[in-house]
Every structure is written in C-alpha cells, then in structure tokens.
Amino acid sequence: MIEYGASGAPAKRRELASLRSLPRSPLASYARRALDAAREAAQPIVTLRSRTRRLRIREFLGNNLLAWIASYLRNRFGPRHAFPDYRRTPADAGIYPLESDGGSVRVSIAGDWASGTDEAAAVAAAIASWNPHFTIHLGDVYYVGDEAEVRATFLGERTSFYQPTQWPRGSVGTFALNGNHEMYARGMAYFDVLLPRLGFTSGAPQRASFFCLENQHWRIIALDTGYNSVRWPLLEELPFAPFAPANDLSSVQIKWLAETLGSNHGNRALVILSHHPPYSRFERGYIKSARQLRPLLRGPVLWFWGHEHRLAVYHRYSRDGGIEAYGRNVGHGGMPVELHPRVMDDRVSLAFTDTRPYPNEEHIEVGYNGYANLTFTGDSLEVVYRDLRGDAVFRESWKAAAGALTQISAP
C-alpha cells in the first residue's frame, strides 16, 4: 500500500545520501534528527550539497539550532533507563529453546537495519520470504532511537513524513539487541516501547536486552554491548578515557553468564551476538567485552555483530586477552555500505567481504545491503550471507562436536 504525505504526494523513505557518513556521535545524530524535522516542516534549507553531500551548516544552524539543542537536551540529559534483568521473574532466566515445529531451525539476523530506507525494506522482504523461525536485529535504530523512530523504522508505524518500515517477525520468536543509537535516547524507547512488542509469538515478550537460545547442540548467546556505549552528555564526544564509553558488559550480564551459562554448561557450541565488535580491521574494536567472556566461556566462538556498516567475514582471531572468535560483521542491514574503508588494524585478516557497487537511483557509490540466514540441523550449522535481493554472496558450514566448534567448509 502506498502511503501519502501531507502534500498528497506519495511518502518516501529516507535516502541513503542523508544517512551516509554519519559520525559516531550523539550530537551529530541529533543534528540529523533535526534535519529530518526540518524536512517534514518543509523548511527551505533542508538540502544536501550535491557535490559534497554535507549539510549546509550555516543555513542549517540558523534555522534549526534551537530544535537541535532542545532535542539533544531533552533526550540525552537525565538517567539512563534501568537495566532490566531476570531477577524479578525467577521462572524466566532468559534461556529459551532454540526449536521449531520439527527438523531444522531457521534464524535470520541483520544489524543496523532500522534506518528507514528502501534498502532496509528490501532486506526485510527478503528475510520474510525465507519464513524464518526466529529473527534477531543486532541493534541501532536511527538516528537516535527515540519513540517516534522506534515506531517508524522498526515497528512500521507512521510517525513522520517518511514511509515507515517494519522488521520481519519470526514464526516462533522475534528479538532485538541494544545498540548505541538506542542509548542516545537513554534506552527509554528501546526498553519501554520496543521490547514489549517482541519475544515469542506464543509466550512472554522479550524481557531484557540479553538472552540465550539453546538446544542439544547449540547455544546462541545475545549480549548487550550498547547499554554502556554512552556516558556523560557532551563529554562523551571526547575520544579518550575517562570520557569515551567503554562498551563493556554490565555486571548483571556477567553474573548471569557466570551463574547460568558458565563453563559452557551442557557442552554446546557457542554463537555470540552483540552490537559492537570485539575486534575489527576497519574500525575501533571493543576488546573489553571479549576479555570479560574469556574466563566464562570456552572458545573459539562464532561471533556476529553489527555497528560497522558492511559485510566482513574474518579468520579466527583473538586480541589482547579476549576470547578467540570467528568474527562476522553483518552491520549492513539498512545503512549505506562504505566500499573503500581505510584499514586500521592489518593484523585482523579477512576471509571475505562484499565489494560490489550497488546500483541506486541516488547515483552514489555504496555497497550492497544484506543479512545472514542461519540453519541449525542437529549438530550442523549452515550460514548463508545474502544481499537485499536475496542472492547468496557467501556460504559456510559448521559442526558442533562435544561442545567444540568445527569449521566444515572453510572460507
């Protein structure tokens, strides 16, 4: 169904160009949020320079400075949302069955999907066509994860000028991790609006931002690296300690892991999900979470994350005392994919990355958006990485044997 804006013209989704080169900064995200509000109000200066694709700063500030600052002050100042756990629901320890109606279990995952672009909508449609039992979003609702954006870019509800997008639901369960952009609004909309709408199709909603799905052979552990991705407003923009966020796992999660999942109880192979990467070839890795896991879980693990807007399959790697991991960056769900990133750590070696240019109506140089499908069949796991058209771009197979993770088809 085509939706229409106030002028009677068909409502559009966000453009890739408006999301391109978005700095990892709450202030910058709120600036883009204010720009969206200006577009909706049809103010004359809400354009991007066709040559540089950057905001026309002087005109933007002159017309939108108050809206930008007011939005930032309203959402960033004040305490973060309380961190929910499972202590109030003793019968629900956050460990759930990784089961289907028989046979294999299909799980679709994507990171940084909730951007509100046509490409995000295409990814959602491709995921839905596979009829997964579970779908899991690896975090980031753009720009700042407030209630209006959660409803519009994740739940598919019309809250602005833009046509909304809806995350595809799994037939058994639907989950979402916490990212840094959700925390730019202090996690309020993520915990109070989004999570109650997710969880098992027939059962309780998602209670917390960390959980486990397991069966006889496999254990998927989803962690929250986003909650500690913000610190003091304004000072958090400084890129050094003690101001820069640590992105470490909360003490509640560490206790939960130690008490219920420590020593890999049950002898299952491990798949980790998070928003932030423990290491990266192209950006700063957040090593602290990998260090926190090493005393609690037996490696190596298969680790999927988002945050970086690309598809990158890494060889087995361990950095600075962190748990050994086969890293899989699938943060290309809906944001513009950079094709020529600068290498920051050449010790981290790539097994595969998708370098194809994506043809688009905006005529900008970006890569293909996509997602990953995981099929668990007994002690076997097949992972197929697909683009927004549903075409397979990379495949790999794994085996769980006595709790150890073995790669069957090596990249």
Protein backbone atom coordinates (compact mmCIF):
# COMPACT_ATOMS: atom_id res chain seq x y z
CA MET A 1 0.00 0.00 0.00
CA ILE A 2 1.33 3.44 -0.95
CA GLU A 3 1.26 5.98 1.87
CA TYR A 4 0.86 9.69 1.22
CA GLY A 5 2.36 12.73 2.90
CA ALA A 6 0.63 15.92 3.93
CA SER A 7 1.00 17.39 0.44
CA GLY A 8 -0.76 14.43 -1.16
CA ALA A 9 2.42 13.12 -2.78
CA PRO A 10 3.47 9.53 -2.05
CA ALA A 11 5.52 9.39 1.14
CA LYS A 12 9.14 8.43 0.62
CA ARG A 13 11.59 6.62 2.81
CA ARG A 14 14.86 8.09 3.97
CA GLU A 15 17.55 8.37 1.33
CA LEU A 16 20.90 6.66 1.59
CA ALA A 17 22.62 10.01 0.98
CA SER A 18 21.06 11.52 4.12
CA LEU A 19 22.47 8.66 6.22
CA ARG A 20 25.86 8.46 4.56
CA SER A 21 28.99 9.37 6.55
CA LEU A 22 27.07 9.71 9.80
CA PRO A 23 29.69 10.22 12.55
CA ARG A 24 29.56 8.03 15.65
CA SER A 25 28.42 10.96 17.73
CA PRO A 26 25.19 11.62 19.65
CA LEU A 27 25.43 15.31 18.76
CA ALA A 28 25.71 14.54 15.04
CA SER A 29 22.83 12.08 15.25
CA TYR A 30 20.60 14.68 16.86
CA ALA A 31 21.61 17.14 14.15
CA ARG A 32 20.42 14.68 11.51
CA ARG A 33 17.26 14.14 13.54
CA ALA A 34 16.63 17.89 13.49
CA LEU A 35 17.24 17.90 9.75
CA ASP A 36 14.50 15.30 9.35
CA ALA A 37 12.14 17.50 11.36
CA ALA A 38 13.03 20.44 9.13
CA ARG A 39 12.29 18.39 6.02
CA GLU A 40 8.92 17.44 7.45
CA ALA A 41 8.16 21.11 8.13
CA ALA A 42 9.16 21.88 4.52
CA GLN A 43 11.75 24.46 5.53
CA PRO A 44 13.73 25.71 2.51
CA ILE A 45 17.24 24.95 3.74
CA VAL A 46 16.94 21.24 4.31
CA THR A 47 19.03 20.16 1.36
CA LEU A 48 22.33 18.39 0.98
CA ARG A 49 25.07 19.83 -1.17
CA SER A 50 25.00 17.78 -4.35
CA ARG A 51 28.78 17.82 -4.60
CA THR A 52 29.81 17.03 -1.02
CA ARG A 53 26.62 15.55 0.42
CA ARG A 54 27.21 17.54 3.60
CA LEU A 55 24.80 19.72 5.48
CA ARG A 56 24.76 23.38 4.61
CA ILE A 57 25.98 24.20 8.08
CA ARG A 58 25.41 27.94 8.34
CA GLU A 59 21.89 27.78 6.96
CA PHE A 60 21.06 24.68 8.97
CA LEU A 61 22.20 26.24 12.24
CA GLY A 62 20.41 29.47 11.53
CA ASN A 63 17.07 27.71 11.11
CA ASN A 64 17.34 24.57 13.23
CA LEU A 65 19.78 25.28 16.05
CA LEU A 66 17.08 25.55 18.71
CA ALA A 67 15.33 22.37 17.59
CA TRP A 68 18.64 20.51 17.54
CA ILE A 69 19.71 21.63 21.01
CA ALA A 70 16.24 21.18 22.52
CA SER A 71 16.04 17.61 21.22
CA TYR A 72 19.52 16.81 22.49
CA LEU A 73 18.88 18.26 25.95
CA ARG A 74 15.50 16.56 26.28
CA ASN A 75 16.76 13.10 25.35
CA ARG A 76 20.40 12.94 26.42
CA PHE A 77 20.26 14.56 29.87
CA GLY A 78 18.92 12.51 32.72
CA PRO A 79 19.47 8.95 33.93
CA ARG A 80 19.56 6.02 31.59
CA HIS A 81 16.71 3.55 31.67
CA ALA A 82 17.14 0.97 34.42
CA PHE A 83 18.83 -2.17 33.13
CA PRO A 84 16.20 -4.97 33.13
CA ASP A 85 17.25 -8.48 34.10
CA TYR A 86 15.58 -11.71 35.13
CA ARG A 87 15.67 -11.41 38.92
CA ARG A 88 12.00 -10.42 39.14
CA THR A 89 10.90 -13.38 37.02
CA PRO A 90 12.53 -16.46 38.62
CA ALA A 91 10.73 -18.79 36.23
CA ASP A 92 12.22 -16.90 33.29
CA ALA A 93 16.03 -16.97 33.44
CA GLY A 94 16.46 -15.69 29.90
CA ILE A 95 17.26 -19.13 28.49
CA TYR A 96 14.84 -20.26 25.79
CA PRO A 97 14.52 -23.26 23.45
CA LEU A 98 16.03 -22.98 20.00
CA GLU A 99 13.29 -25.07 18.45
CA SER A 100 10.94 -25.13 15.51
CA ASP A 101 7.95 -27.23 14.56
CA GLY A 102 10.30 -30.07 13.73
CA GLY A 103 13.54 -30.54 11.81
CA SER A 104 15.82 -27.60 11.16
CA VAL A 105 15.66 -24.21 12.90
CA ARG A 106 15.93 -21.13 10.69
CA VAL A 107 17.30 -17.88 12.17
CA SER A 108 17.71 -14.60 10.26
CA ILE A 109 19.93 -11.83 11.62
CA ALA A 110 20.83 -8.32 10.46
CA GLY A 111 22.50 -5.33 12.08
CA ASP A 112 21.91 -1.59 11.72
CA TRP A 113 18.76 -2.33 9.78
CA ALA A 114 16.37 0.24 11.33
CA SER A 115 17.34 3.11 9.04
CA GLY A 116 14.04 3.65 7.27
CA THR A 117 15.49 3.30 3.75
CA ASP A 118 14.08 1.48 0.74
CA GLU A 119 17.06 -0.85 1.04
CA ALA A 120 16.04 -1.75 4.60
CA ALA A 121 12.54 -2.52 3.36
CA ALA A 122 14.01 -4.77 0.66
CA VAL A 123 16.11 -6.63 3.24
CA ALA A 124 13.02 -7.12 5.41
CA ALA A 125 11.06 -8.52 2.48
CA ALA A 126 13.90 -10.89 1.57
CA ILE A 127 14.14 -12.15 5.16
CA ALA A 128 10.37 -12.66 5.36
CA SER A 129 10.37 -14.69 2.13
CA TRP A 130 12.56 -17.32 3.85
CA ASN A 131 9.96 -17.85 6.60
CA PRO A 132 12.47 -17.90 9.48
CA HIS A 133 11.51 -19.32 12.85
CA PHE A 134 13.49 -16.57 14.60
CA THR A 135 14.56 -13.10 13.53
CA ILE A 136 17.10 -11.09 15.54
CA HIS A 137 18.10 -7.47 14.97
CA LEU A 138 21.63 -6.71 16.16
CA GLY A 139 20.87 -3.13 17.16
CA ASP A 140 20.79 0.54 16.10
CA VAL A 141 17.59 2.44 15.40
CA TYR A 142 18.38 5.65 13.51
CA TYR A 143 19.02 8.37 14.21
CA VAL A 144 18.63 8.47 17.97
CA GLY A 145 16.32 5.56 18.85
CA ASP A 146 13.56 7.65 20.40
CA GLU A 147 9.95 6.53 20.47
CA ALA A 148 8.97 8.09 17.16
CA GLU A 149 11.88 6.43 15.37
CA VAL A 150 11.36 3.05 17.05
CA ARG A 151 7.77 3.09 15.92
CA ALA A 152 8.53 4.30 12.39
CA THR A 153 11.74 2.48 11.42
CA PHE A 154 11.22 -0.78 13.32
CA LEU A 155 7.55 -1.35 14.16
CA GLY A 156 6.21 0.00 10.87
CA GLU A 157 4.00 2.75 12.34
CA ARG A 158 3.61 6.12 10.67
CA THR A 159 5.04 8.85 12.95
CA SER A 160 6.64 11.26 10.48
CA PHE A 161 6.80 12.43 6.90
CA TYR A 162 8.60 9.24 5.90
CA GLN A 163 7.02 5.96 4.93
CA PRO A 164 7.59 3.51 7.81
CA THR A 165 9.40 0.16 7.69
CA GLN A 166 8.67 -2.97 9.70
CA TRP A 167 11.11 -5.58 10.95
CA PRO A 168 10.06 -9.09 9.82
CA ARG A 169 8.78 -11.35 12.55
CA GLY A 170 9.88 -14.95 13.05
CA SER A 171 7.16 -17.57 13.25
CA VAL A 172 8.45 -18.67 16.69
CA GLY A 173 10.18 -15.56 18.05
CA THR A 174 11.44 -12.06 17.26
CA PHE A 175 14.22 -10.32 19.21
CA ALA A 176 16.30 -7.14 19.11
CA LEU A 177 19.63 -6.24 20.70
CA ASN A 178 20.51 -2.85 22.13
CA GLY A 179 22.82 -0.54 20.17
CA ASN A 180 24.50 2.77 20.84
CA HIS A 181 21.86 4.70 18.86
CA GLU A 182 19.07 3.36 21.08
CA MET A 183 21.05 4.66 24.05
CA TYR A 184 21.30 8.16 22.55
CA ALA A 185 17.73 8.46 23.86
CA ARG A 186 18.87 6.78 27.12
CA GLY A 187 17.27 3.48 26.13
CA MET A 188 13.77 4.64 27.02
CA ALA A 189 12.05 3.68 23.77
CA TYR A 190 14.08 0.50 23.32
CA PHE A 191 13.18 -0.93 26.74
CA ASP A 192 9.66 0.51 27.16
CA VAL A 193 8.27 0.54 23.61
CA LEU A 194 10.20 -1.97 21.53
CA LEU A 195 10.89 -4.95 23.80
CA PRO A 196 7.26 -5.41 24.93
CA ARG A 197 6.35 -5.88 21.25
CA LEU A 198 8.95 -8.61 20.71
CA GLY A 199 9.67 -12.06 22.13
CA PHE A 200 7.95 -15.35 21.42
CA THR A 201 4.92 -15.38 19.16
CA SER A 202 3.10 -17.55 21.69
CA GLY A 203 4.56 -16.56 25.02
CA ALA A 204 6.15 -13.80 27.04
CA PRO A 205 7.62 -10.66 25.47
CA GLN A 206 11.37 -10.04 25.35
CA ARG A 207 12.19 -9.13 28.96
CA ALA A 208 15.80 -7.97 28.70
CA SER A 209 18.46 -6.93 26.22
CA PHE A 210 20.42 -10.16 26.75
CA PHE A 211 19.19 -13.75 26.42
CA CYS A 212 20.08 -17.25 25.27
CA LEU A 213 18.52 -19.61 22.71
CA GLU A 214 19.71 -23.20 23.02
CA ASN A 215 19.11 -26.78 22.01
CA GLN A 216 21.03 -30.03 22.46
CA HIS A 217 23.98 -28.98 20.30
CA TRP A 218 23.94 -25.17 20.03
CA ARG A 219 23.74 -22.13 22.22
CA ILE A 220 23.12 -18.60 20.87
CA ILE A 221 24.10 -16.02 23.49
CA ALA A 222 22.85 -12.48 22.78
CA LEU A 223 24.62 -9.74 24.74
CA ASP A 224 24.09 -6.04 25.36
CA THR A 225 27.19 -4.01 24.50
CA GLY A 226 25.07 -0.91 23.87
CA TYR A 227 23.99 -0.01 27.40
CA ASN A 228 27.47 1.23 28.32
CA SER A 229 28.03 2.93 24.96
CA VAL A 230 27.07 6.36 26.35
CA ARG A 231 28.47 8.31 29.30
CA TRP A 232 28.22 11.96 30.26
CA PRO A 233 26.45 14.16 27.69
CA LEU A 234 28.83 16.33 25.67
CA LEU A 235 31.89 14.88 27.41
CA GLU A 236 31.18 11.51 25.77
CA GLU A 237 32.18 13.10 22.48
CA LEU A 238 35.83 13.13 23.62
CA PRO A 239 37.63 10.06 22.21
CA PHE A 240 39.76 9.19 25.23
CA ALA A 241 39.44 7.94 28.81
CA PRO A 242 37.77 8.61 31.16
CA PHE A 243 35.21 10.27 28.89
CA ALA A 244 34.85 7.82 25.99
CA PRO A 245 32.37 4.99 26.73
CA ALA A 246 33.84 1.55 27.49
CA ASN A 247 31.10 -0.50 25.81
CA ASP A 248 31.71 -3.23 28.36
CA LEU A 249 29.20 -5.82 29.52
CA SER A 250 27.19 -4.80 32.58
CA SER A 251 27.82 -6.56 35.88
CA VAL A 252 24.30 -8.02 35.67
CA GLN A 253 25.17 -9.78 32.43
CA ILE A 254 28.45 -11.09 33.79
CA LYS A 255 26.68 -12.54 36.82
CA TRP A 256 24.00 -14.08 34.59
CA LEU A 257 26.65 -15.66 32.39
CA ALA A 258 28.59 -16.99 35.35
CA GLU A 259 25.55 -18.46 37.11
CA THR A 260 23.58 -19.91 34.23
CA LEU A 261 25.94 -20.30 31.30
CA GLY A 262 29.40 -20.54 32.82
CA SER A 263 31.80 -23.27 31.77
CA ASN A 264 29.56 -23.89 28.75
CA HIS A 265 27.14 -25.95 30.82
CA GLY A 266 25.58 -28.61 28.61
CA ASN A 267 28.59 -28.90 26.28
CA ARG A 268 27.16 -26.90 23.39
CA ALA A 269 28.94 -25.00 20.63
CA LEU A 270 28.66 -21.23 21.07
CA VAL A 271 27.34 -18.49 18.82
CA ILE A 272 27.65 -14.96 20.24
CA LEU A 273 25.52 -12.00 19.11
CA SER A 274 26.26 -8.38 20.00
CA HIS A 275 26.02 -4.94 18.51
CA HIS A 276 29.66 -3.89 18.92
CA PRO A 277 32.69 -5.76 17.52
CA PRO A 278 35.36 -7.28 19.77
CA TYR A 279 37.86 -6.51 17.01
CA SER A 280 37.86 -5.03 13.52
CA ARG A 281 40.11 -4.49 10.55
CA PHE A 282 38.49 -1.16 9.73
CA GLU A 283 37.35 0.50 12.96
CA ARG A 284 37.99 0.51 16.68
CA GLY A 285 37.27 -2.84 18.28
CA TYR A 286 35.71 -3.01 21.74
CA ILE A 287 38.01 -5.51 23.34
CA LYS A 288 36.70 -5.32 26.89
CA SER A 289 33.64 -7.49 26.26
CA ALA A 290 35.84 -10.19 24.67
CA ARG A 291 38.10 -10.10 27.72
CA GLN A 292 35.12 -10.39 30.05
CA LEU A 293 33.93 -13.51 28.22
CA ARG A 294 37.20 -15.40 28.23
CA PRO A 295 37.04 -16.65 31.87
CA LEU A 296 33.37 -17.59 31.48
CA LEU A 297 33.09 -19.31 28.10
CA ARG A 298 35.20 -21.78 26.22
CA GLY A 299 36.35 -20.62 22.79
CA PRO A 300 36.57 -20.36 19.96
CA VAL A 301 33.12 -18.93 19.32
CA LEU A 302 31.28 -17.82 16.20
CA TRP A 303 30.60 -14.11 16.87
CA PHE A 304 28.15 -11.99 14.84
CA TRP A 305 27.99 -8.22 15.31
CA GLY A 306 26.73 -5.03 13.66
CA HIS A 307 27.84 -1.40 14.28
CA GLU A 308 30.07 -1.26 11.21
CA HIS A 309 28.01 -0.87 8.06
CA ARG A 310 29.48 -3.66 5.96
CA LEU A 311 29.66 -7.42 5.48
CA ALA A 312 33.01 -8.77 6.67
CA VAL A 313 33.91 -12.40 7.38
CA TYR A 314 37.09 -12.75 9.43
CA HIS A 315 39.50 -15.57 10.08
CA ARG A 316 39.84 -16.86 13.63
CA TYR A 317 41.37 -14.19 15.83
CA SER A 318 41.97 -13.25 19.44
CA ARG A 319 43.08 -9.81 20.52
CA ASP A 320 44.76 -8.68 23.74
CA GLY A 321 43.47 -11.41 26.01
CA GLY A 322 39.96 -11.66 24.56
CA ILE A 323 38.12 -14.87 23.78
CA GLU A 324 39.02 -16.45 20.42
CA ALA A 325 36.36 -15.75 17.82
CA TYR A 326 35.46 -16.24 14.19
CA GLY A 327 34.19 -12.70 13.64
CA ARG A 328 31.23 -11.99 11.38
CA ASN A 329 30.27 -8.37 10.79
CA VAL A 330 26.71 -8.14 9.43
CA GLY A 331 26.00 -4.46 10.09
CA HIS A 332 24.88 -3.85 6.50
CA GLY A 333 21.15 -4.29 7.07
CA GLY A 334 19.96 -0.82 6.09
CA MET A 335 22.66 1.85 6.34
CA PRO A 336 24.85 2.95 3.38
CA VAL A 337 27.71 0.48 2.93
CA GLU A 338 31.16 2.04 2.51
CA LEU A 339 33.08 0.33 -0.29
CA HIS A 340 36.64 1.57 0.32
CA PRO A 341 37.21 1.68 4.08
CA ARG A 342 40.59 2.57 5.50
CA VAL A 343 42.44 -0.32 7.16
CA MET A 344 43.12 0.43 10.83
CA ASP A 345 44.43 -2.95 12.02
CA ASP A 346 46.05 -5.18 9.41
CA ARG A 347 46.57 -7.95 11.99
CA VAL A 348 42.89 -8.80 11.53
CA SER A 349 42.65 -10.80 8.30
CA LEU A 350 39.60 -11.02 6.08
CA ALA A 351 38.20 -14.23 4.67
CA PHE A 352 35.51 -12.42 2.64
CA THR A 353 33.90 -9.05 2.11
CA ASP A 354 31.38 -7.94 -0.48
CA THR A 355 32.96 -5.21 -2.64
CA ARG A 356 30.28 -4.99 -5.34
CA PRO A 357 28.94 -1.47 -6.03
CA TYR A 358 25.19 -1.26 -5.52
CA PRO A 359 23.32 0.45 -8.41
CA ASN A 360 20.92 3.00 -6.97
CA GLU A 361 18.67 5.85 -8.04
CA GLU A 362 20.67 8.31 -5.93
CA HIS A 363 23.80 7.66 -8.02
CA ILE A 364 26.11 7.41 -5.01
CA GLU A 365 28.89 4.90 -4.51
CA VAL A 366 27.77 2.40 -1.89
CA GLY A 367 27.79 -1.37 -1.46
CA TYR A 368 25.00 -3.91 -1.16
CA ASN A 369 22.88 -4.18 1.96
CA GLY A 370 22.07 -7.64 3.25
CA TYR A 371 21.63 -10.12 6.08
CA ALA A 372 22.53 -13.65 7.19
CA ASN A 373 20.44 -16.81 7.37
CA LEU A 374 21.46 -19.48 9.89
CA THR A 375 20.08 -23.02 9.58
CA PHE A 376 20.59 -25.33 12.58
CA THR A 377 20.10 -29.01 11.76
CA GLY A 378 21.13 -31.31 14.59
CA ASP A 379 24.83 -30.71 15.22
CA SER A 380 25.28 -28.86 11.91
CA LEU A 381 25.01 -25.15 11.14
CA GLU A 382 24.90 -23.57 7.69
CA VAL A 383 25.27 -19.80 7.35
CA VAL A 384 24.30 -18.12 4.08
CA TYR A 385 25.00 -14.41 3.63
CA ARG A 386 22.53 -12.82 1.23
CA ASP A 387 22.10 -9.38 -0.30
CA LEU A 388 18.93 -7.31 -0.35
CA ARG A 389 17.79 -9.12 -3.49
CA GLY A 390 18.04 -12.45 -1.70
CA ASP A 391 21.07 -13.59 -3.71
CA ALA A 392 23.68 -15.65 -1.82
CA VAL A 393 27.11 -13.98 -1.71
CA PHE A 394 28.94 -16.32 0.73
CA ARG A 395 28.31 -19.65 2.49
CA GLU A 396 29.94 -21.54 5.33
CA SER A 397 29.23 -24.69 7.36
CA TRP A 398 29.97 -25.63 10.97
CA LYS A 399 29.74 -28.69 13.21
CA ALA A 400 29.20 -28.91 16.96
CA ALA A 401 31.13 -31.84 18.44
CA ALA A 402 31.37 -32.29 22.22
CA GLY A 403 30.92 -28.55 22.71
CA ALA A 404 33.65 -27.63 20.25
CA LEU A 405 33.04 -25.52 17.16
CA THR A 406 34.48 -27.03 13.98
CA GLN A 407 34.50 -25.35 10.60
CA ILE A 408 33.45 -27.76 7.87
CA SER A 409 33.64 -25.52 4.80
CA ALA A 410 36.49 -23.08 5.35
CA PRO A 411 36.47 -19.69 3.60
